[in-house]
Amino acid sequence: MNEPASRPELSVRVNEAKCTGCVVCLRACPTQAVRLRNGRAVILPEACVECGECIRACPQRAVGPAVSTIQDTAQYKINVLIVSRVLYTQFGEEVSPNEILVALCKMGFDHVVDGALYCEWVQLALGEWLRNNPQVRTALSPTCPVVMNLIVKRFPELIPNVAPILSPRRVAARHIRRTLTRRLGLPPSDIGVFHLTPCAAKTVAFRRPSYGESPEINGSLGMQDLFGPIYQKLKTLTDEDRDLMSFRAGGAGLGYELSADGVSRALMAERTLSVTGLGETLEVLEQVSSGLLADFRYIECNTCPDGCLGGPLTVDNRFTARATLRRLVQMYGTMPRVRFRDIEPLIREGFFKTDRVMTPSQMVLDENPLKAMKKMKKINDLTARLPGRLCGVCGAPDCRTLAEDVVMGRADLAQCPFHTLDEKEKGQ
């Protein structure tokens, strides 16, 4: 657990002015990445997987995403907004995806891109890659950045299982940037591509080439921030506006949360699996690591409940959003509207292949194995001396993490009032 020389920029940030030190986020964090320092929450980058549970849990709204703003889009001659398919589920069943895209165009974006269409592209590209690589068993989806964080930090042995295919957001960014550069004759630096997302982890993922992202995406906007302006703009649409056609995807792209089902159509008889939820994802990754799911050819994991529908930056609750999604899939059909021959030239070109170089990022006590063993013994001994409470008074999630922090020089044992009291009583 050495401090890294260069800490990664996190997708979650703590507003110290709002933080009351209530320890709710500390208890909600599944990877024990939150500490309390001087009465305020602090996030340890080396332990954080950016799942957004702290954002959901914070009653003071002191923990929030590191999103871009509308003002950030103005610095480019041409601005492009890639819309997550989840946005279409946030306004109820009476508002069509096409109306939402038109409303965004009316808000001043030069180009609004339907992300659901590129989800269909990726489904077909994944299916083709799996067909051409039968030696890869139990392939894992590359889409969820939290899953990528979990793999490099807790399951590095699964790095070879990650399919080397771009995420839909990056496929969309790469394609629209190429298209506009050729059509408008502008240099790429004049085109700003932004992603409208329900996911906190995706707000900084584009700045991490090691996770398969790239500067093709210039920033991410939080769905909750644009919900109000979109809602107001929807009220002003005319019948003529509604006749403008922007939405071209089918139910396969809309229902990308169940994208393993879409990939299964390409794989025909081979088994696929779709999993949502952080606990469920951890369980499945552990089983894949143990070789217990070798019969499954492809597994799609999303750490948010109900997939991206339950993302921390959404507005509507995931249950009504799922009902809206089911209705939309019924309306547009379950089959993709994109045909394989539409994207076959891009597949042959290697357009969908990622340049991802995922390297393990596990926490270690010390680079020297002998010193690491000694530190582990100190941690075990100190943990045994602590009271074993889950109170959070010391600023750590539990006694074990306090012991780790003390041994690593990040905390003082005096921060545990119960230990101090016990030591005084023993001396009497």
Protein backbone atom coordinates (compact mmCIF):
# COMPACT_ATOMS: atom_id res chain seq x y z
CA MET A 1 0.00 0.00 0.00
CA ASN A 2 2.82 2.35 -0.84
CA GLU A 3 1.78 5.80 -1.97
CA PRO A 4 2.05 5.91 -5.77
CA ALA A 5 4.48 8.42 -7.25
CA SER A 6 1.73 9.84 -9.44
CA ARG A 7 -1.80 9.63 -8.14
CA PRO A 8 -4.46 9.16 -10.82
CA GLU A 9 -7.15 11.78 -11.19
CA LEU A 10 -10.26 10.36 -9.57
CA SER A 11 -13.76 10.62 -10.99
CA VAL A 12 -15.14 11.37 -7.50
CA ARG A 13 -14.30 14.43 -5.44
CA VAL A 14 -15.08 15.54 -1.90
CA ASN A 15 -16.35 19.06 -1.28
CA GLU A 16 -14.83 19.76 2.13
CA ALA A 17 -17.16 22.71 2.72
CA LYS A 18 -20.17 20.36 2.55
CA CYS A 19 -18.64 17.33 4.28
CA THR A 20 -19.77 16.88 7.89
CA GLY A 21 -17.67 13.81 8.64
CA CYS A 22 -20.74 11.59 9.09
CA VAL A 23 -18.78 8.46 7.88
CA VAL A 24 -21.73 7.29 5.72
CA CYS A 25 -19.48 7.21 2.64
CA LEU A 26 -16.79 5.42 4.62
CA ARG A 27 -19.21 2.61 5.42
CA ALA A 28 -20.63 2.51 1.89
CA CYS A 29 -17.27 2.11 0.12
CA PRO A 30 -16.85 -1.54 -0.95
CA THR A 31 -13.06 -1.30 -1.31
CA GLN A 32 -12.35 0.59 1.94
CA ALA A 33 -10.92 3.54 0.02
CA VAL A 34 -12.43 6.29 2.23
CA ARG A 35 -10.84 7.71 5.37
CA LEU A 36 -11.77 10.53 7.72
CA ARG A 37 -9.01 13.08 8.18
CA ASN A 38 -9.52 16.19 10.31
CA GLY A 39 -13.25 15.50 10.32
CA ARG A 40 -13.53 15.35 6.50
CA ALA A 41 -13.72 12.45 4.05
CA VAL A 42 -10.60 11.65 2.04
CA ILE A 43 -10.45 9.12 -0.81
CA LEU A 44 -7.35 6.97 -1.32
CA PRO A 45 -6.78 6.80 -5.11
CA GLU A 46 -4.80 3.57 -4.89
CA ALA A 47 -7.80 1.76 -3.35
CA CYS A 48 -10.68 3.50 -5.13
CA VAL A 49 -12.34 1.71 -8.09
CA GLU A 50 -14.66 4.69 -8.79
CA CYS A 51 -17.89 2.75 -8.40
CA GLY A 52 -19.75 5.86 -7.20
CA GLU A 53 -21.19 4.23 -4.07
CA CYS A 54 -19.93 7.19 -2.03
CA ILE A 55 -21.84 9.56 -4.34
CA ARG A 56 -25.05 7.61 -3.82
CA ALA A 57 -24.58 7.36 -0.06
CA CYS A 58 -23.55 10.90 0.91
CA PRO A 59 -26.53 12.61 2.61
CA GLN A 60 -24.90 16.04 2.29
CA ARG A 61 -24.10 15.72 -1.44
CA ALA A 62 -20.50 16.44 -0.49
CA VAL A 63 -19.16 13.72 -2.78
CA GLY A 64 -19.66 14.37 -6.47
CA PRO A 65 -18.35 13.52 -9.94
CA ALA A 66 -15.50 15.26 -11.73
CA VAL A 67 -17.61 16.25 -14.73
CA SER A 68 -17.09 18.78 -17.47
CA THR A 69 -19.47 21.70 -17.93
CA ILE A 70 -21.39 23.24 -20.84
CA GLN A 71 -18.87 26.09 -20.74
CA ASP A 72 -16.07 23.61 -21.51
CA THR A 73 -17.70 22.79 -24.85
CA ALA A 74 -17.50 26.42 -26.00
CA GLN A 75 -13.72 26.39 -26.44
CA TYR A 76 -14.02 24.35 -29.66
CA LYS A 77 -15.11 25.53 -33.12
CA ILE A 78 -17.33 22.45 -33.38
CA ASN A 79 -18.75 20.65 -30.35
CA VAL A 80 -20.15 17.14 -30.43
CA LEU A 81 -22.23 15.40 -27.78
CA ILE A 82 -22.36 11.60 -27.66
CA VAL A 83 -25.56 10.63 -25.84
CA SER A 84 -25.68 7.57 -23.60
CA ARG A 85 -28.68 5.38 -24.36
CA VAL A 86 -29.61 5.64 -20.66
CA LEU A 87 -30.78 9.23 -21.21
CA TYR A 88 -33.75 7.91 -23.20
CA THR A 89 -35.07 6.16 -20.06
CA GLN A 90 -35.05 9.26 -17.85
CA PHE A 91 -38.12 11.13 -19.16
CA GLY A 92 -40.81 8.46 -19.04
CA GLU A 93 -42.44 6.42 -21.78
CA GLU A 94 -44.15 9.35 -23.50
CA VAL A 95 -40.93 11.04 -24.60
CA SER A 96 -39.20 9.43 -27.58
CA PRO A 97 -35.42 9.14 -28.04
CA ASN A 98 -35.77 11.26 -31.16
CA GLU A 99 -37.36 14.13 -29.21
CA ILE A 100 -34.52 14.04 -26.68
CA LEU A 101 -31.88 14.20 -29.41
CA VAL A 102 -33.69 17.09 -31.11
CA ALA A 103 -33.94 18.94 -27.78
CA LEU A 104 -30.18 18.62 -27.32
CA CYS A 105 -29.61 19.98 -30.83
CA LYS A 106 -31.83 22.95 -29.92
CA MET A 107 -29.64 23.54 -26.82
CA GLY A 108 -26.73 24.57 -29.02
CA PHE A 109 -24.66 21.46 -29.66
CA ASP A 110 -23.36 21.39 -33.21
CA HIS A 111 -23.71 17.63 -33.51
CA VAL A 112 -25.63 15.23 -31.27
CA VAL A 113 -24.69 11.58 -31.68
CA ASP A 114 -26.90 8.66 -30.68
CA GLY A 115 -24.76 6.34 -28.52
CA ALA A 116 -27.23 3.45 -28.86
CA LEU A 117 -26.33 3.08 -32.53
CA TYR A 118 -22.68 2.52 -31.67
CA CYS A 119 -23.67 -0.03 -29.04
CA GLU A 120 -25.00 -2.10 -31.93
CA TRP A 121 -21.71 -1.62 -33.78
CA VAL A 122 -19.77 -2.91 -30.77
CA GLN A 123 -22.07 -5.90 -30.30
CA LEU A 124 -21.39 -6.99 -33.88
CA ALA A 125 -17.64 -6.30 -33.58
CA LEU A 126 -17.43 -8.28 -30.33
CA GLY A 127 -19.27 -11.20 -31.88
CA GLU A 128 -16.92 -11.21 -34.86
CA TRP A 129 -13.82 -11.05 -32.66
CA LEU A 130 -15.05 -13.94 -30.52
CA ARG A 131 -15.80 -16.03 -33.60
CA ASN A 132 -12.30 -15.40 -34.93
CA ASN A 133 -10.62 -16.14 -31.59
CA PRO A 134 -12.07 -19.45 -30.40
CA GLN A 135 -9.03 -20.02 -28.17
CA VAL A 136 -10.15 -17.22 -25.82
CA ARG A 137 -12.49 -18.65 -23.22
CA THR A 138 -14.56 -16.65 -20.72
CA ALA A 139 -13.91 -13.33 -22.43
CA LEU A 140 -14.89 -10.27 -20.41
CA SER A 141 -16.60 -7.15 -21.71
CA PRO A 142 -14.41 -4.01 -21.88
CA THR A 143 -17.29 -1.55 -21.47
CA CYS A 144 -17.54 -0.78 -17.72
CA PRO A 145 -14.55 1.25 -16.42
CA VAL A 146 -15.25 0.16 -12.82
CA VAL A 147 -14.83 -3.45 -13.90
CA MET A 148 -11.54 -2.48 -15.56
CA ASN A 149 -10.46 -0.87 -12.26
CA LEU A 150 -11.40 -4.01 -10.35
CA ILE A 151 -9.46 -6.21 -12.74
CA VAL A 152 -6.19 -4.23 -12.63
CA LYS A 153 -6.38 -3.75 -8.84
CA ARG A 154 -7.87 -7.01 -7.57
CA PHE A 155 -7.93 -9.53 -10.43
CA PRO A 156 -4.85 -8.82 -12.59
CA GLU A 157 -4.79 -12.47 -13.65
CA LEU A 158 -7.95 -11.70 -15.66
CA ILE A 159 -6.35 -8.99 -17.81
CA PRO A 160 -5.88 -11.46 -20.73
CA ASN A 161 -9.62 -12.22 -20.58
CA VAL A 162 -10.68 -8.65 -21.44
CA ALA A 163 -11.85 -8.44 -25.05
CA PRO A 164 -9.56 -6.04 -27.01
CA ILE A 165 -12.49 -4.09 -28.43
CA LEU A 166 -13.21 -0.40 -27.92
CA SER A 167 -16.09 0.71 -25.72
CA PRO A 168 -19.14 2.15 -27.55
CA ARG A 169 -18.33 5.67 -26.35
CA ARG A 170 -14.86 5.54 -27.86
CA VAL A 171 -16.06 3.94 -31.10
CA ALA A 172 -18.56 6.79 -31.42
CA ALA A 173 -15.91 9.42 -30.66
CA ARG A 174 -13.41 7.91 -33.10
CA HIS A 175 -15.99 7.66 -35.88
CA ILE A 176 -17.55 11.10 -35.50
CA ARG A 177 -14.16 12.79 -35.18
CA ARG A 178 -12.93 11.08 -38.34
CA THR A 179 -16.14 11.91 -40.20
CA LEU A 180 -16.18 15.61 -39.24
CA THR A 181 -12.46 16.07 -39.87
CA ARG A 182 -12.93 14.81 -43.43
CA ARG A 183 -16.22 16.59 -44.06
CA LEU A 184 -15.33 19.98 -42.61
CA GLY A 185 -11.61 20.02 -43.32
CA LEU A 186 -10.85 21.03 -39.74
CA PRO A 187 -7.92 19.84 -37.63
CA PRO A 188 -8.95 17.42 -34.86
CA SER A 189 -8.01 20.02 -32.22
CA ASP A 190 -10.92 22.23 -33.39
CA ILE A 191 -13.47 19.49 -32.67
CA GLY A 192 -14.55 18.90 -29.07
CA VAL A 193 -16.20 15.55 -28.43
CA PHE A 194 -18.07 15.16 -25.13
CA HIS A 195 -19.90 12.18 -23.66
CA LEU A 196 -23.19 12.59 -21.78
CA THR A 197 -22.97 9.86 -19.16
CA PRO A 198 -24.82 8.34 -16.18
CA CYS A 199 -21.50 6.99 -14.86
CA ALA A 200 -19.04 8.74 -12.55
CA ALA A 201 -16.14 6.49 -13.59
CA LYS A 202 -16.50 7.48 -17.25
CA THR A 203 -15.96 11.16 -16.44
CA VAL A 204 -12.16 10.73 -16.29
CA ALA A 205 -11.69 7.37 -18.04
CA PHE A 206 -10.96 9.14 -21.33
CA ARG A 207 -7.75 10.48 -19.75
CA ARG A 208 -6.42 6.99 -19.08
CA PRO A 209 -4.87 5.42 -22.20
CA SER A 210 -3.94 2.33 -20.15
CA TYR A 211 -7.65 1.52 -19.86
CA GLY A 212 -8.22 1.77 -23.58
CA GLU A 213 -9.48 5.34 -23.61
CA SER A 214 -7.91 8.23 -25.47
CA PRO A 215 -7.99 12.00 -26.07
CA GLU A 216 -10.55 11.37 -28.83
CA ILE A 217 -13.01 12.22 -26.06
CA ASN A 218 -12.43 15.69 -24.61
CA GLY A 219 -14.76 15.53 -21.63
CA SER A 220 -17.85 14.06 -20.01
CA LEU A 221 -21.05 15.77 -18.92
CA GLY A 222 -23.12 14.39 -16.06
CA MET A 223 -26.62 13.30 -16.96
CA GLN A 224 -28.10 14.84 -13.83
CA ASP A 225 -26.68 18.26 -14.77
CA LEU A 226 -28.34 18.34 -18.20
CA PHE A 227 -31.64 16.75 -17.20
CA GLY A 228 -33.31 20.04 -16.21
CA PRO A 229 -32.29 22.01 -19.33
CA ILE A 230 -33.36 19.11 -21.57
CA TYR A 231 -36.71 18.86 -19.79
CA GLN A 232 -37.34 22.57 -20.32
CA LYS A 233 -36.33 22.39 -23.99
CA LEU A 234 -38.67 19.43 -24.58
CA LYS A 235 -41.59 21.67 -23.64
CA THR A 236 -40.77 24.04 -26.48
CA LEU A 237 -40.55 21.49 -29.32
CA THR A 238 -42.94 22.00 -32.20
CA ASP A 239 -44.48 19.31 -34.41
CA GLU A 240 -41.98 20.34 -37.07
CA ASP A 241 -39.13 19.76 -34.60
CA ARG A 242 -40.46 16.33 -33.72
CA ASP A 243 -40.43 15.34 -37.40
CA LEU A 244 -36.64 15.74 -37.49
CA MET A 245 -35.13 12.26 -37.46
CA SER A 246 -32.00 11.75 -35.37
CA PHE A 247 -32.55 8.36 -33.72
CA ARG A 248 -31.52 5.42 -35.88
CA ALA A 249 -30.79 2.56 -33.45
CA GLY A 250 -33.00 -0.40 -32.60
CA GLY A 251 -33.87 -2.19 -29.39
CA ALA A 252 -30.55 -4.05 -29.41
CA GLY A 253 -28.65 -0.81 -28.93
CA LEU A 254 -31.14 0.57 -26.43
CA GLY A 255 -30.91 -2.58 -24.30
CA TYR A 256 -27.13 -2.66 -24.18
CA GLU A 257 -27.33 -3.39 -20.42
CA LEU A 258 -28.15 -6.89 -21.61
CA SER A 259 -25.50 -6.75 -24.31
CA ALA A 260 -24.39 -10.29 -23.58
CA ASP A 261 -27.73 -11.27 -25.10
CA GLY A 262 -26.87 -9.23 -28.18
CA VAL A 263 -23.47 -10.87 -28.45
CA SER A 264 -25.08 -14.28 -27.95
CA ARG A 265 -26.99 -13.77 -31.20
CA ALA A 266 -23.66 -13.49 -32.98
CA LEU A 267 -22.21 -16.51 -31.15
CA MET A 268 -25.29 -18.64 -31.76
CA ALA A 269 -25.03 -21.74 -29.52
CA GLU A 270 -22.23 -20.57 -27.19
CA ARG A 271 -23.08 -19.54 -23.65
CA THR A 272 -22.97 -15.91 -22.54
CA LEU A 273 -23.72 -14.24 -19.22
CA SER A 274 -24.86 -10.75 -18.21
CA VAL A 275 -24.31 -9.57 -14.62
CA THR A 276 -25.19 -6.29 -12.87
CA GLY A 277 -24.40 -5.06 -9.37
CA LEU A 278 -21.08 -4.57 -7.60
CA GLY A 279 -21.37 -7.54 -5.24
CA GLU A 280 -22.54 -9.78 -8.05
CA THR A 281 -19.69 -8.61 -10.30
CA LEU A 282 -17.11 -9.33 -7.61
CA GLU A 283 -18.56 -12.80 -7.11
CA VAL A 284 -18.46 -13.56 -10.83
CA LEU A 285 -14.90 -12.24 -11.27
CA GLU A 286 -13.77 -14.42 -8.37
CA GLN A 287 -15.43 -17.42 -10.02
CA VAL A 288 -13.85 -16.64 -13.38
CA SER A 289 -10.47 -16.32 -11.63
CA SER A 290 -11.03 -19.74 -10.04
CA GLY A 291 -11.97 -21.32 -13.36
CA LEU A 292 -15.54 -22.03 -12.27
CA LEU A 293 -17.19 -20.30 -15.25
CA ALA A 294 -15.08 -21.78 -18.03
CA ASP A 295 -18.21 -22.97 -19.84
CA PHE A 296 -19.22 -19.36 -20.55
CA ARG A 297 -17.66 -17.84 -23.65
CA TYR A 298 -18.44 -14.20 -22.91
CA ILE A 299 -19.44 -12.33 -19.73
CA GLU A 300 -20.78 -8.79 -19.55
CA CYS A 301 -20.32 -7.23 -16.09
CA ASN A 302 -21.71 -3.87 -14.98
CA THR A 303 -21.15 -2.84 -11.37
CA CYS A 304 -24.13 -0.52 -11.06
CA PRO A 305 -27.47 -2.11 -10.11
CA ASP A 306 -29.44 -2.78 -13.31
CA GLY A 307 -26.34 -1.79 -15.25
CA CYS A 308 -25.96 1.79 -16.42
CA LEU A 309 -29.65 2.38 -15.66
CA GLY A 310 -28.57 2.50 -12.01
CA GLY A 311 -25.62 4.82 -12.60
CA PRO A 312 -24.94 7.39 -9.86
CA LEU A 313 -25.48 10.34 -12.24
CA THR A 314 -28.98 9.31 -13.35
CA VAL A 315 -32.14 11.15 -12.27
CA ASP A 316 -35.01 8.69 -12.58
CA ASN A 317 -34.92 5.66 -10.30
CA ARG A 318 -33.69 2.51 -11.97
CA PHE A 319 -36.99 0.64 -11.62
CA THR A 320 -39.05 3.11 -13.63
CA ALA A 321 -36.10 3.55 -15.99
CA ARG A 322 -36.09 -0.18 -16.64
CA ALA A 323 -39.85 -0.11 -17.30
CA THR A 324 -39.29 2.70 -19.81
CA LEU A 325 -36.46 0.73 -21.41
CA ARG A 326 -38.65 -2.34 -21.82
CA ARG A 327 -41.27 -0.20 -23.52
CA LEU A 328 -38.70 1.35 -25.86
CA VAL A 329 -37.27 -2.04 -26.80
CA GLN A 330 -40.82 -3.19 -27.60
CA MET A 331 -41.35 -0.15 -29.82
CA TYR A 332 -38.08 -0.41 -31.74
CA GLY A 333 -37.74 -4.20 -31.81
CA THR A 334 -35.14 -6.45 -30.24
CA MET A 335 -32.97 -6.87 -33.33
CA PRO A 336 -30.16 -4.43 -34.25
CA ARG A 337 -30.77 -2.03 -37.10
CA VAL A 338 -27.11 -2.07 -38.02
CA ARG A 339 -26.15 -4.90 -40.34
CA PHE A 340 -22.80 -6.62 -40.28
CA ARG A 341 -22.02 -5.54 -43.82
CA ASP A 342 -22.49 -1.91 -42.73
CA ILE A 343 -19.43 -2.06 -40.49
CA GLU A 344 -17.48 -4.96 -42.03
CA PRO A 345 -14.98 -2.62 -43.75
CA LEU A 346 -14.25 -0.96 -40.39
CA ILE A 347 -13.77 -4.34 -38.73
CA ARG A 348 -11.32 -5.39 -41.46
CA GLU A 349 -9.49 -2.08 -40.99
CA GLY A 350 -9.06 -2.74 -37.27
CA PHE A 351 -11.19 0.27 -36.35
CA PHE A 352 -12.65 -1.46 -33.27
CA LYS A 353 -9.39 -2.85 -31.88
CA THR A 354 -8.20 -1.13 -28.72
CA ASP A 355 -4.66 -0.01 -27.93
CA ARG A 356 -5.36 -0.84 -24.29
CA VAL A 357 -2.32 -1.87 -22.25
CA MET A 358 -3.69 -2.90 -18.88
CA THR A 359 -1.06 -3.36 -16.18
CA PRO A 360 -1.62 -4.67 -12.64
CA SER A 361 -2.05 -1.98 -10.03
CA GLN A 362 -2.39 -4.00 -6.85
CA MET A 363 -1.60 -2.47 -3.49
CA VAL A 364 1.58 -3.85 -1.94
CA LEU A 365 2.94 -3.36 1.54
CA ASP A 366 6.51 -3.07 0.29
CA GLU A 367 8.46 -3.84 -2.86
CA ASN A 368 10.90 -5.82 -0.71
CA PRO A 369 9.21 -9.19 0.08
CA LEU A 370 10.97 -9.54 3.44
CA LYS A 371 9.91 -6.05 4.54
CA ALA A 372 6.38 -6.74 3.29
CA MET A 373 6.19 -9.88 5.45
CA LYS A 374 7.35 -7.93 8.50
CA LYS A 375 4.76 -5.23 7.86
CA MET A 376 2.05 -7.86 7.47
CA LYS A 377 3.01 -9.33 10.85
CA LYS A 378 2.83 -5.88 12.44
CA ILE A 379 -0.62 -5.33 10.91
CA ASN A 380 -1.87 -8.69 12.20
CA ASP A 381 -0.46 -8.07 15.67
CA LEU A 382 -1.91 -4.57 15.85
CA THR A 383 -5.31 -5.72 14.56
CA ALA A 384 -5.44 -8.30 17.36
CA ARG A 385 -4.83 -5.55 19.93
CA LEU A 386 -7.59 -3.29 18.59
CA PRO A 387 -11.19 -3.60 19.87
CA GLY A 388 -12.68 -4.99 16.63
CA ARG A 389 -15.38 -2.31 16.32
CA LEU A 390 -16.94 -0.96 13.12
CA CYS A 391 -17.49 2.51 14.54
CA GLY A 392 -15.43 4.65 12.16
CA VAL A 393 -14.43 6.97 15.01
CA CYS A 394 -10.74 6.57 14.12
CA GLY A 395 -11.39 7.65 10.54
CA ALA A 396 -10.90 4.16 9.06
CA PRO A 397 -13.63 1.70 8.01
CA ASP A 398 -12.56 -0.96 10.54
CA CYS A 399 -9.75 -1.96 12.87
CA ARG A 400 -7.88 -3.85 10.17
CA THR A 401 -7.64 -0.83 7.88
CA LEU A 402 -6.60 1.37 10.83
CA ALA A 403 -3.80 -1.10 11.58
CA GLU A 404 -2.72 -0.94 7.93
CA ASP A 405 -2.78 2.86 7.98
CA VAL A 406 -0.70 2.96 11.18
CA VAL A 407 1.93 0.55 9.84
CA MET A 408 2.10 2.43 6.53
CA GLY A 409 2.46 5.77 8.32
CA ARG A 410 -0.88 7.18 7.25
CA ALA A 411 -2.46 7.28 10.72
CA ASP A 412 -1.67 7.31 14.42
CA LEU A 413 -2.80 4.60 16.81
CA ALA A 414 -4.02 7.33 19.17
CA GLN A 415 -6.86 7.95 16.72
CA CYS A 416 -8.62 4.92 18.25
CA PRO A 417 -10.12 6.18 21.56
CA PHE A 418 -11.11 2.67 22.63
CA HIS A 419 -7.58 1.32 22.27
CA THR A 420 -6.21 4.27 24.24
CA LEU A 421 -8.80 3.66 26.97
CA ASP A 422 -8.01 -0.06 27.09
CA GLU A 423 -4.28 0.63 27.42
CA LYS A 424 -4.91 3.03 30.30
CA GLU A 425 -7.13 0.48 32.07
CA LYS A 426 -4.44 -2.20 31.68
CA GLY A 427 -1.90 0.12 33.28
CA GLN A 428 -4.03 0.74 36.37
